[in-house]
Amino acid sequence: MESENKELIKEILEWVYCIVIAIVLALIVRYFVGTPTVVQMKSMQPTFEQGDRLILNRLAITFKKDIKRGEVITFEAPSSEYKSAAQADQENPIAKYEYEPKNIFKKFTYYVLDIQKKSYIKRVIGLPGEHVQIENGNVYIDGALLSEEYLQDGVKTTSEVFTDFIVPEGYVFVMGDNRPGSMDSRQFGCIPISKVESKVWLRFWPFNKFGTDWK
């Protein structure tokens, strides 16, 4: 009887070890390699619709590869936005991040498990050091009109807060493709590259939109 109990305990422990290892590996892959996600908002319409299933590529962020204009990224949502140009520092157009987990457990649940953390999905428009201007319904980068074929016909880009500024080093300026319905860098400022979580790699649902045709 005692030997049978020992065998049972051993078998249970082996299963526990396997489950723990599987969970750890899944978390490592999710945080450092890639993860699936579902589009929740309308800010990237018509490129991405609510309910679209995407695969996010975290490898590029893990290995600090350059972020390029036109790429669609996800990032930690800023703490707040500016209501008017008078509230914002036009010489330092950066987003506010006021929450920082205080201990290892809270950092793990916030950054790895994404508990209580909100993320946005947007397109990269302005890169570090570039002069961005929003005027006459268009976007200009270093004085040149930015061609944005991913926007719907007739869409105009306007901003009530940031309209003429230099993107600080270590930051990017992002906007949603649904310009009238997107909360983005026009309201909250440029995003620290350190807050970028992933690049959108693949859409796998719906099947008729399978691929990377938003690039």
Protein backbone atom coordinates (compact mmCIF):
# COMPACT_ATOMS: atom_id res chain seq x y z
CA MET A 1 0.00 0.00 0.00
CA GLU A 2 2.81 2.39 0.92
CA SER A 3 4.61 1.73 -2.36
CA GLU A 4 1.40 2.33 -4.29
CA ASN A 5 0.92 5.67 -2.54
CA LYS A 6 4.49 6.66 -3.36
CA GLU A 7 3.95 5.78 -7.01
CA LEU A 8 0.73 7.80 -7.06
CA ILE A 9 2.45 10.80 -5.49
CA LYS A 10 5.30 10.50 -7.95
CA GLU A 11 2.91 10.38 -10.89
CA ILE A 12 1.00 13.42 -9.60
CA LEU A 13 4.23 15.37 -9.15
CA GLU A 14 5.33 14.48 -12.67
CA TRP A 15 2.05 15.83 -14.03
CA VAL A 16 2.43 18.98 -11.94
CA TYR A 17 5.96 19.50 -13.26
CA CYS A 18 4.76 19.02 -16.85
CA ILE A 19 1.93 21.51 -16.40
CA VAL A 20 4.22 24.09 -14.78
CA ILE A 21 6.80 23.72 -17.56
CA ALA A 22 4.08 24.02 -20.22
CA ILE A 23 2.73 27.20 -18.61
CA VAL A 24 6.21 28.72 -18.33
CA LEU A 25 7.02 27.90 -21.96
CA ALA A 26 3.68 29.34 -23.10
CA LEU A 27 4.35 32.57 -21.21
CA ILE A 28 7.85 32.83 -22.64
CA VAL A 29 6.55 32.36 -26.19
CA ARG A 30 3.72 34.81 -25.59
CA TYR A 31 5.91 37.53 -24.13
CA PHE A 32 9.08 37.18 -26.23
CA VAL A 33 8.00 35.54 -29.52
CA GLY A 34 4.39 36.12 -30.48
CA THR A 35 0.76 35.83 -29.50
CA PRO A 36 -2.72 35.87 -31.07
CA THR A 37 -5.10 38.73 -30.37
CA VAL A 38 -8.56 39.99 -31.31
CA VAL A 39 -9.18 43.53 -32.56
CA GLN A 40 -11.50 45.19 -30.05
CA MET A 41 -11.82 48.77 -31.30
CA LYS A 42 -12.72 50.62 -34.51
CA SER A 43 -9.69 52.90 -34.68
CA MET A 44 -7.95 50.91 -37.45
CA GLN A 45 -10.92 50.62 -39.80
CA PRO A 46 -11.05 49.80 -42.66
CA THR A 47 -7.67 48.07 -42.37
CA PHE A 48 -8.75 46.02 -39.35
CA GLU A 49 -12.34 45.48 -38.27
CA GLN A 50 -13.62 44.56 -34.82
CA GLY A 51 -13.32 40.80 -34.42
CA ASP A 52 -10.34 40.37 -36.75
CA ARG A 53 -7.88 37.79 -35.40
CA LEU A 54 -4.21 38.73 -35.62
CA ILE A 55 -0.83 37.21 -34.81
CA LEU A 56 1.47 39.68 -33.08
CA ASN A 57 5.21 39.42 -33.62
CA ARG A 58 7.15 40.23 -30.45
CA LEU A 59 10.53 39.01 -31.75
CA ALA A 60 11.22 42.30 -33.50
CA ILE A 61 10.67 44.14 -30.24
CA THR A 62 12.53 41.55 -28.18
CA PHE A 63 15.64 41.95 -30.36
CA LYS A 64 15.19 45.75 -30.68
CA LYS A 65 14.80 45.81 -34.44
CA ASP A 66 14.01 49.18 -35.95
CA ILE A 67 10.40 50.25 -36.21
CA LYS A 68 9.52 51.42 -39.72
CA ARG A 69 6.95 53.88 -40.98
CA GLY A 70 3.72 52.20 -42.05
CA GLU A 71 4.08 49.24 -39.69
CA VAL A 72 1.14 48.48 -37.43
CA ILE A 73 2.17 48.08 -33.80
CA THR A 74 0.64 47.50 -30.40
CA PHE A 75 1.77 49.42 -27.34
CA GLU A 76 0.83 50.14 -23.76
CA ALA A 77 -1.88 52.79 -23.67
CA PRO A 78 -0.83 56.13 -22.17
CA SER A 79 -2.31 57.24 -18.85
CA SER A 80 -4.14 60.26 -20.26
CA GLU A 81 -4.61 62.54 -23.24
CA TYR A 82 -4.48 66.28 -23.76
CA LYS A 83 -7.75 68.12 -24.30
CA SER A 84 -6.26 71.09 -26.15
CA ALA A 85 -3.03 72.45 -27.60
CA ALA A 86 -2.72 74.79 -24.61
CA GLN A 87 -2.44 71.81 -22.22
CA ALA A 88 0.35 70.15 -24.18
CA ASP A 89 4.05 70.92 -24.35
CA GLN A 90 4.56 71.50 -28.07
CA GLU A 91 8.32 71.38 -27.63
CA ASN A 92 8.14 67.99 -25.93
CA PRO A 93 5.18 66.15 -27.49
CA ILE A 94 5.35 62.92 -25.51
CA ALA A 95 2.72 60.65 -24.00
CA LYS A 96 2.23 60.39 -20.25
CA TYR A 97 2.78 57.10 -18.44
CA GLU A 98 2.03 57.61 -14.77
CA TYR A 99 1.51 54.01 -13.61
CA GLU A 100 4.48 51.78 -12.81
CA PRO A 101 4.10 48.47 -10.95
CA LYS A 102 6.04 48.56 -7.67
CA ASN A 103 7.06 44.94 -7.09
CA ILE A 104 8.00 41.83 -9.06
CA PHE A 105 4.59 40.20 -8.72
CA LYS A 106 2.73 43.28 -9.95
CA LYS A 107 5.21 43.73 -12.81
CA PHE A 108 4.71 40.09 -13.82
CA THR A 109 0.91 40.28 -13.80
CA TYR A 110 0.91 43.67 -15.56
CA TYR A 111 3.57 43.23 -18.24
CA VAL A 112 3.50 39.45 -18.82
CA LEU A 113 -0.11 38.48 -18.07
CA ASP A 114 -1.48 41.87 -19.21
CA ILE A 115 -3.77 42.05 -16.18
CA GLN A 116 -5.21 45.58 -15.86
CA LYS A 117 -3.02 46.74 -18.75
CA LYS A 118 -4.64 48.38 -21.76
CA SER A 119 -3.01 48.29 -25.17
CA TYR A 120 -3.66 50.17 -28.41
CA ILE A 121 -3.10 49.15 -32.01
CA LYS A 122 -2.00 51.93 -34.40
CA ARG A 123 0.11 52.62 -37.47
CA VAL A 124 3.57 54.20 -37.24
CA ILE A 125 3.57 57.58 -38.98
CA GLY A 126 6.49 59.64 -37.63
CA LEU A 127 9.94 58.34 -36.67
CA PRO A 128 12.50 59.77 -34.21
CA GLY A 129 13.89 63.12 -35.28
CA GLU A 130 11.31 63.73 -38.03
CA HIS A 131 9.34 66.94 -38.42
CA VAL A 132 5.62 66.11 -38.51
CA GLN A 133 3.00 68.60 -39.71
CA ILE A 134 -0.76 68.06 -39.88
CA GLU A 135 -2.47 70.67 -42.01
CA ASN A 136 -5.09 70.97 -44.74
CA GLY A 137 -6.26 67.44 -43.99
CA ASN A 138 -2.86 65.92 -44.79
CA VAL A 139 0.29 64.72 -43.04
CA TYR A 140 3.72 66.05 -43.98
CA ILE A 141 7.02 64.46 -42.95
CA ASP A 142 10.01 66.78 -43.14
CA GLY A 143 8.00 68.97 -45.49
CA ALA A 144 6.99 66.19 -47.90
CA LEU A 145 3.38 65.03 -48.28
CA LEU A 146 2.92 61.56 -46.80
CA SER A 147 1.16 59.16 -49.17
CA GLU A 148 -1.35 57.09 -47.18
CA GLU A 149 -2.98 54.59 -49.53
CA TYR A 150 -4.36 52.60 -46.58
CA LEU A 151 -6.85 55.37 -45.76
CA GLN A 152 -10.35 55.40 -47.19
CA ASP A 153 -11.00 57.87 -50.00
CA GLY A 154 -11.91 61.30 -48.72
CA VAL A 155 -10.53 60.82 -45.20
CA LYS A 156 -8.89 63.96 -43.82
CA THR A 157 -6.35 64.05 -41.01
CA THR A 158 -6.96 66.78 -38.46
CA SER A 159 -5.64 67.49 -34.97
CA GLU A 160 -6.62 69.85 -32.18
CA VAL A 161 -3.50 69.28 -30.06
CA PHE A 162 -0.30 68.32 -31.90
CA THR A 163 -0.03 69.76 -35.42
CA ASP A 164 3.59 70.86 -35.94
CA PHE A 165 6.40 69.21 -33.97
CA ILE A 166 9.60 67.16 -33.97
CA VAL A 167 9.31 63.52 -32.89
CA PRO A 168 11.73 63.13 -29.93
CA GLU A 169 14.52 60.58 -30.06
CA GLY A 170 13.35 57.23 -28.70
CA TYR A 171 9.73 57.92 -29.66
CA VAL A 172 7.34 57.33 -32.55
CA PHE A 173 4.21 59.16 -33.68
CA VAL A 174 1.27 56.83 -34.33
CA MET A 175 -2.26 57.18 -35.70
CA GLY A 176 -5.20 54.91 -36.41
CA ASP A 177 -6.34 54.47 -40.00
CA ASN A 178 -9.85 55.54 -38.96
CA ARG A 179 -8.72 59.12 -38.44
CA PRO A 180 -12.08 60.58 -37.32
CA GLY A 181 -12.58 57.75 -34.80
CA SER A 182 -9.11 57.12 -33.43
CA MET A 183 -7.57 58.17 -30.13
CA ASP A 184 -3.88 58.34 -30.97
CA SER A 185 -0.71 60.46 -30.84
CA ARG A 186 -2.67 63.47 -32.02
CA GLN A 187 -4.26 63.54 -28.56
CA PHE A 188 -1.75 61.90 -26.24
CA GLY A 189 1.60 62.54 -27.89
CA CYS A 190 4.44 60.41 -29.19
CA ILE A 191 4.91 56.90 -27.81
CA PRO A 192 8.18 55.76 -26.21
CA ILE A 193 9.63 52.91 -28.23
CA SER A 194 10.17 51.16 -24.89
CA LYS A 195 6.35 50.94 -24.56
CA VAL A 196 5.90 49.22 -27.93
CA GLU A 197 4.82 45.61 -27.34
CA SER A 198 4.69 44.04 -30.80
CA LYS A 199 4.28 44.42 -34.53
CA VAL A 200 1.23 43.00 -36.26
CA TRP A 201 2.49 40.09 -38.34
CA LEU A 202 -0.49 38.18 -39.73
CA ARG A 203 -4.28 38.30 -39.94
CA PHE A 204 -5.68 34.76 -39.80
CA TRP A 205 -9.39 35.55 -39.44
CA PRO A 206 -11.59 36.10 -41.34
CA PHE A 207 -10.18 33.66 -43.88
CA ASN A 208 -11.03 35.87 -46.85
CA LYS A 209 -8.62 38.49 -45.42
CA PHE A 210 -5.88 36.04 -44.46
CA GLY A 211 -2.39 37.48 -44.90
CA THR A 212 -0.48 40.73 -44.52
CA ASP A 213 -2.26 42.88 -47.09
CA TRP A 214 -2.45 45.97 -44.87
CA LYS A 215 1.23 46.83 -45.44
